[in-house]
Amino acid sequence: MRGWWLSCLLLPCTAFAQDDWQLSVVPYVWGASVKADVNAPPLAPVTVHKSFSDTFEHLDMAAMAIIDARHGRWGILSDFTWVDTSEDAVVPRVGLPATLETRVATAALMGHYRFIDETRWGMDVIGGARYWHLRGKVDVPALGRGVDISRNWVDPVLGVRLGWTLSDRQGITVWALGSASDAVRWDLMASYGVRVTDHAWLRLGYRYLAMRQVTRYLDFDAAMAGPGLGLEWRF
């Protein structure tokens, strides 16, 4: 699992009008390194560690977007991702080559409340749920063995988002989201935005996303991190 995540890294960070609905739509690209450990008995554990420079080689498909709607202090936030990758992997200790194909799809629906709303900065409290779909296929040709596992689950999500308005054309946003079921998962992001038109912002940021799914037949532990570029449209 890895690589180019088309997602909206960066969210609005300026003050919102109190009387009307405000809508933000942000498609984005994310070039991320990935480190994953997969244990799917009866196969031996498999490890993948790919850098940002390997992104194009192994990506099959990716698409992501965030939609943020706000009315006064209240709002609704949706985050969608879909990533298919094919990776070269290795069996630790013995060094046998392996392949790992993954599909990760997520859909989050969260509410947020503007807890602090100052002229130059604000803080939102965020809560909701995130649906995960994970499909992993591991093959070890030297052993003539393989396994194909699919999992679906829903995690609660809690976190905060902070925004600083530097000027009418610049802003910084930071968010930290966490959830827990089998293990704690983190979604951390920091971004810098520049207004390019009356309704569009160009955003540059860095995102870290970690997940783990543990069952009787699967232990999938992965973390992705890297820079991202997004274009936010406000209506």
Protein backbone atom coordinates (compact mmCIF):
# COMPACT_ATOMS: atom_id res chain seq x y z
CA MET A 1 0.00 0.00 0.00
CA ARG A 2 1.37 3.39 -0.74
CA GLY A 3 2.07 6.17 -2.85
CA TRP A 4 0.15 8.86 -4.65
CA TRP A 5 -2.90 9.67 -2.61
CA LEU A 6 -5.13 12.08 -4.43
CA SER A 7 -6.60 13.75 -1.42
CA CYS A 8 -7.38 17.10 0.01
CA LEU A 9 -4.61 17.74 2.40
CA LEU A 10 -5.57 21.22 3.25
CA LEU A 11 -8.71 22.65 4.66
CA PRO A 12 -10.03 26.19 4.94
CA CYS A 13 -8.23 28.22 7.59
CA THR A 14 -9.80 31.68 7.31
CA ALA A 15 -12.80 32.92 9.27
CA PHE A 16 -16.21 31.85 7.98
CA ALA A 17 -19.33 33.95 7.61
CA GLN A 18 -21.86 33.36 10.34
CA ASP A 19 -25.06 33.62 8.26
CA ASP A 20 -24.52 31.53 5.11
CA TRP A 21 -23.34 28.07 4.21
CA GLN A 22 -19.73 27.93 3.05
CA LEU A 23 -18.57 25.01 0.86
CA SER A 24 -14.99 23.88 0.20
CA VAL A 25 -14.01 21.13 -2.27
CA VAL A 26 -10.36 20.02 -2.45
CA PRO A 27 -8.97 17.35 -4.79
CA TYR A 28 -5.28 16.69 -4.16
CA VAL A 29 -2.21 14.66 -4.94
CA TRP A 30 -0.03 13.15 -2.25
CA GLY A 31 3.40 11.67 -2.94
CA ALA A 32 4.10 9.49 0.08
CA SER A 33 6.66 6.99 1.19
CA VAL A 34 5.24 3.84 2.74
CA LYS A 35 6.35 1.27 5.28
CA ALA A 36 4.19 -1.79 5.80
CA ASP A 37 4.41 -5.10 7.65
CA VAL A 38 1.97 -7.81 6.67
CA ASN A 39 1.46 -11.06 8.56
CA ALA A 40 -1.10 -13.29 6.88
CA PRO A 41 -0.75 -16.93 7.99
CA PRO A 42 0.13 -19.46 6.70
CA LEU A 43 2.61 -17.22 4.85
CA ALA A 44 5.69 -15.83 6.55
CA PRO A 45 5.56 -12.11 7.42
CA VAL A 46 6.27 -9.72 4.53
CA THR A 47 7.83 -6.24 4.74
CA VAL A 48 7.54 -3.34 2.28
CA HIS A 49 9.50 -0.10 2.52
CA LYS A 50 9.17 2.26 -0.45
CA SER A 51 10.43 5.81 -0.73
CA PHE A 52 8.76 8.81 -2.36
CA SER A 53 10.88 8.30 -5.50
CA ASP A 54 9.21 4.89 -6.11
CA THR A 55 5.71 6.41 -6.24
CA PHE A 56 5.01 6.28 -9.99
CA GLU A 57 6.40 2.79 -10.52
CA HIS A 58 3.96 0.95 -8.27
CA LEU A 59 0.76 2.99 -8.32
CA ASP A 60 -2.14 1.42 -10.22
CA MET A 61 -4.85 3.94 -9.39
CA ALA A 62 -5.58 6.68 -6.85
CA ALA A 63 -8.36 9.20 -6.30
CA MET A 64 -9.20 11.39 -3.32
CA ALA A 65 -11.11 14.49 -2.26
CA ILE A 66 -12.37 16.34 0.79
CA ILE A 67 -15.66 18.24 1.02
CA ASP A 68 -16.19 20.68 3.90
CA ALA A 69 -19.51 22.49 4.47
CA ARG A 70 -19.95 25.04 7.27
CA HIS A 71 -22.81 27.12 8.64
CA GLY A 72 -21.81 29.45 11.44
CA ARG A 73 -19.81 27.49 14.02
CA TRP A 74 -21.09 24.08 12.85
CA GLY A 75 -19.98 22.05 9.86
CA ILE A 76 -19.78 18.68 8.09
CA LEU A 77 -16.54 17.22 6.78
CA SER A 78 -16.21 14.33 4.30
CA ASP A 79 -12.95 12.65 3.26
CA PHE A 80 -12.78 10.08 0.42
CA THR A 81 -9.80 8.01 -0.77
CA TRP A 82 -9.22 5.12 -3.16
CA VAL A 83 -5.74 3.64 -3.74
CA ASP A 84 -4.60 0.54 -5.65
CA THR A 85 -0.90 -0.40 -5.60
CA SER A 86 1.40 -3.26 -6.55
CA GLU A 87 4.61 -3.60 -4.53
CA ASP A 88 7.79 -5.67 -4.52
CA ALA A 89 8.30 -7.00 -0.99
CA VAL A 90 10.62 -9.32 0.91
CA VAL A 91 10.27 -12.01 3.56
CA PRO A 92 12.38 -10.86 6.54
CA ARG A 93 15.39 -12.90 7.69
CA VAL A 94 15.31 -15.35 4.76
CA GLY A 95 15.18 -12.58 2.14
CA LEU A 96 12.77 -14.33 -0.25
CA PRO A 97 11.18 -11.99 -2.84
CA ALA A 98 7.43 -11.45 -2.63
CA THR A 99 4.72 -9.27 -4.14
CA LEU A 100 2.03 -7.31 -2.31
CA GLU A 101 -1.08 -5.95 -4.02
CA THR A 102 -3.30 -3.69 -1.95
CA ARG A 103 -6.53 -1.78 -2.30
CA VAL A 104 -7.42 0.77 0.34
CA ALA A 105 -10.64 2.77 0.21
CA THR A 106 -11.88 5.07 2.95
CA ALA A 107 -14.91 7.28 3.44
CA ALA A 108 -15.15 9.54 6.47
CA LEU A 109 -18.16 11.54 7.63
CA MET A 110 -17.45 13.92 10.51
CA GLY A 111 -19.05 16.88 12.18
CA HIS A 112 -17.06 19.84 13.48
CA TYR A 113 -17.68 22.78 15.80
CA ARG A 114 -15.72 26.04 15.83
CA PHE A 115 -14.73 26.05 19.50
CA ILE A 116 -12.48 29.12 19.17
CA ASP A 117 -13.19 31.78 16.53
CA GLU A 118 -10.76 34.68 16.81
CA THR A 119 -9.91 37.20 14.09
CA ARG A 120 -6.60 35.59 13.16
CA TRP A 121 -6.97 32.02 14.35
CA GLY A 122 -9.54 29.38 15.16
CA MET A 123 -9.92 25.84 16.46
CA ASP A 124 -12.43 23.19 15.39
CA VAL A 125 -13.32 20.10 17.38
CA ILE A 126 -13.98 17.16 15.03
CA GLY A 127 -15.87 13.89 15.61
CA GLY A 128 -17.36 11.20 13.40
CA ALA A 129 -16.60 7.86 11.75
CA ARG A 130 -14.38 6.49 9.00
CA TYR A 131 -15.16 3.43 6.87
CA TRP A 132 -12.18 1.35 5.71
CA HIS A 133 -11.99 -1.24 2.94
CA LEU A 134 -8.72 -3.17 2.79
CA ARG A 135 -7.85 -5.89 0.29
CA GLY A 136 -4.41 -7.44 0.43
CA LYS A 137 -2.92 -10.10 -1.82
CA VAL A 138 0.50 -11.55 -0.89
CA ASP A 139 2.46 -13.98 -3.08
CA VAL A 140 5.80 -15.66 -2.36
CA PRO A 141 6.75 -17.35 -5.68
CA ALA A 142 9.69 -19.29 -4.21
CA LEU A 143 7.33 -21.06 -1.83
CA GLY A 144 4.50 -21.38 -4.32
CA ARG A 145 2.17 -19.87 -1.75
CA GLY A 146 -0.16 -16.91 -1.66
CA VAL A 147 -3.06 -15.45 0.29
CA ASP A 148 -5.85 -13.00 -0.62
CA ILE A 149 -7.72 -11.30 2.24
CA SER A 150 -10.40 -8.59 2.27
CA ARG A 151 -11.54 -6.64 5.32
CA ASN A 152 -14.15 -3.92 5.98
CA TRP A 153 -14.54 -2.00 9.22
CA VAL A 154 -15.60 1.35 10.73
CA ASP A 155 -13.57 3.40 13.20
CA PRO A 156 -14.68 6.35 15.34
CA VAL A 157 -12.70 9.52 14.68
CA LEU A 158 -11.91 12.34 17.11
CA GLY A 159 -9.55 15.27 16.70
CA VAL A 160 -8.90 18.98 16.32
CA ARG A 161 -8.13 21.38 13.48
CA LEU A 162 -6.28 24.66 13.98
CA GLY A 163 -6.13 27.49 11.45
CA TRP A 164 -4.12 30.71 11.36
CA THR A 165 -4.89 33.55 8.95
CA LEU A 166 -1.59 35.25 8.05
CA SER A 167 -3.19 37.70 5.62
CA ASP A 168 -6.11 37.91 3.19
CA ARG A 169 -4.12 35.67 0.82
CA GLN A 170 -2.20 33.32 3.13
CA GLY A 171 -3.04 30.84 5.86
CA ILE A 172 -1.81 27.79 7.77
CA THR A 173 -3.85 24.76 8.81
CA VAL A 174 -2.91 21.90 11.13
CA TRP A 175 -5.08 18.93 12.03
CA ALA A 176 -4.69 15.85 14.21
CA LEU A 177 -7.22 13.00 14.02
CA GLY A 178 -7.09 9.75 15.93
CA SER A 179 -9.19 6.61 16.20
CA ALA A 180 -8.91 3.31 18.01
CA SER A 181 -10.34 -0.18 17.74
CA ASP A 182 -7.69 -2.91 17.38
CA ALA A 183 -4.95 -0.26 17.55
CA VAL A 184 -4.64 3.51 17.50
CA ARG A 185 -4.62 5.09 14.05
CA TRP A 186 -3.36 8.61 13.33
CA ASP A 187 -4.03 11.15 10.60
CA LEU A 188 -1.74 14.19 11.00
CA MET A 189 -1.44 17.10 8.58
CA ALA A 190 0.10 20.57 8.30
CA SER A 191 -0.42 22.88 5.33
CA TYR A 192 0.22 26.32 3.91
CA GLY A 193 -2.29 27.95 1.56
CA VAL A 194 -2.11 30.86 -0.91
CA ARG A 195 -5.18 32.44 -2.54
CA VAL A 196 -4.83 32.43 -6.34
CA THR A 197 -8.32 33.67 -7.29
CA ASP A 198 -11.41 34.88 -5.45
CA HIS A 199 -12.58 31.27 -5.05
CA ALA A 200 -9.40 29.14 -5.32
CA TRP A 201 -6.50 28.41 -2.97
CA LEU A 202 -3.30 26.57 -3.85
CA ARG A 203 -2.18 24.44 -0.89
CA LEU A 204 1.11 22.75 -0.04
CA GLY A 205 1.40 20.46 2.95
CA TYR A 206 2.69 17.32 4.60
CA ARG A 207 0.53 14.39 5.77
CA TYR A 208 1.13 11.32 7.89
CA LEU A 209 -1.43 8.51 7.88
CA ALA A 210 -1.03 5.32 9.91
CA MET A 211 -3.37 2.34 10.09
CA ARG A 212 -3.41 -1.15 11.55
CA GLN A 213 -5.88 -4.00 11.18
CA VAL A 214 -5.47 -7.07 13.40
CA THR A 215 -7.60 -10.20 13.07
CA ARG A 216 -7.10 -13.93 13.52
CA TYR A 217 -5.92 -14.22 9.92
CA LEU A 218 -4.30 -10.85 9.29
CA ASP A 219 -1.98 -8.32 10.92
CA PHE A 220 -1.57 -5.35 8.57
CA ASP A 221 0.48 -2.43 9.91
CA ALA A 222 1.26 0.48 7.57
CA ALA A 223 2.30 4.14 7.71
CA MET A 224 2.43 6.66 4.85
CA ALA A 225 4.00 10.11 4.95
CA GLY A 226 4.96 12.74 2.40
CA PRO A 227 4.29 16.13 0.79
CA GLY A 228 1.02 16.98 -0.93
CA LEU A 229 -0.34 19.58 -3.34
CA GLY A 230 -4.02 20.52 -3.53
CA LEU A 231 -6.33 23.07 -5.15
CA GLU A 232 -9.21 24.18 -2.95
CA TRP A 233 -12.39 25.63 -4.42
CA ARG A 234 -14.64 27.70 -2.15
CA PHE A 235 -18.27 28.51 -2.90
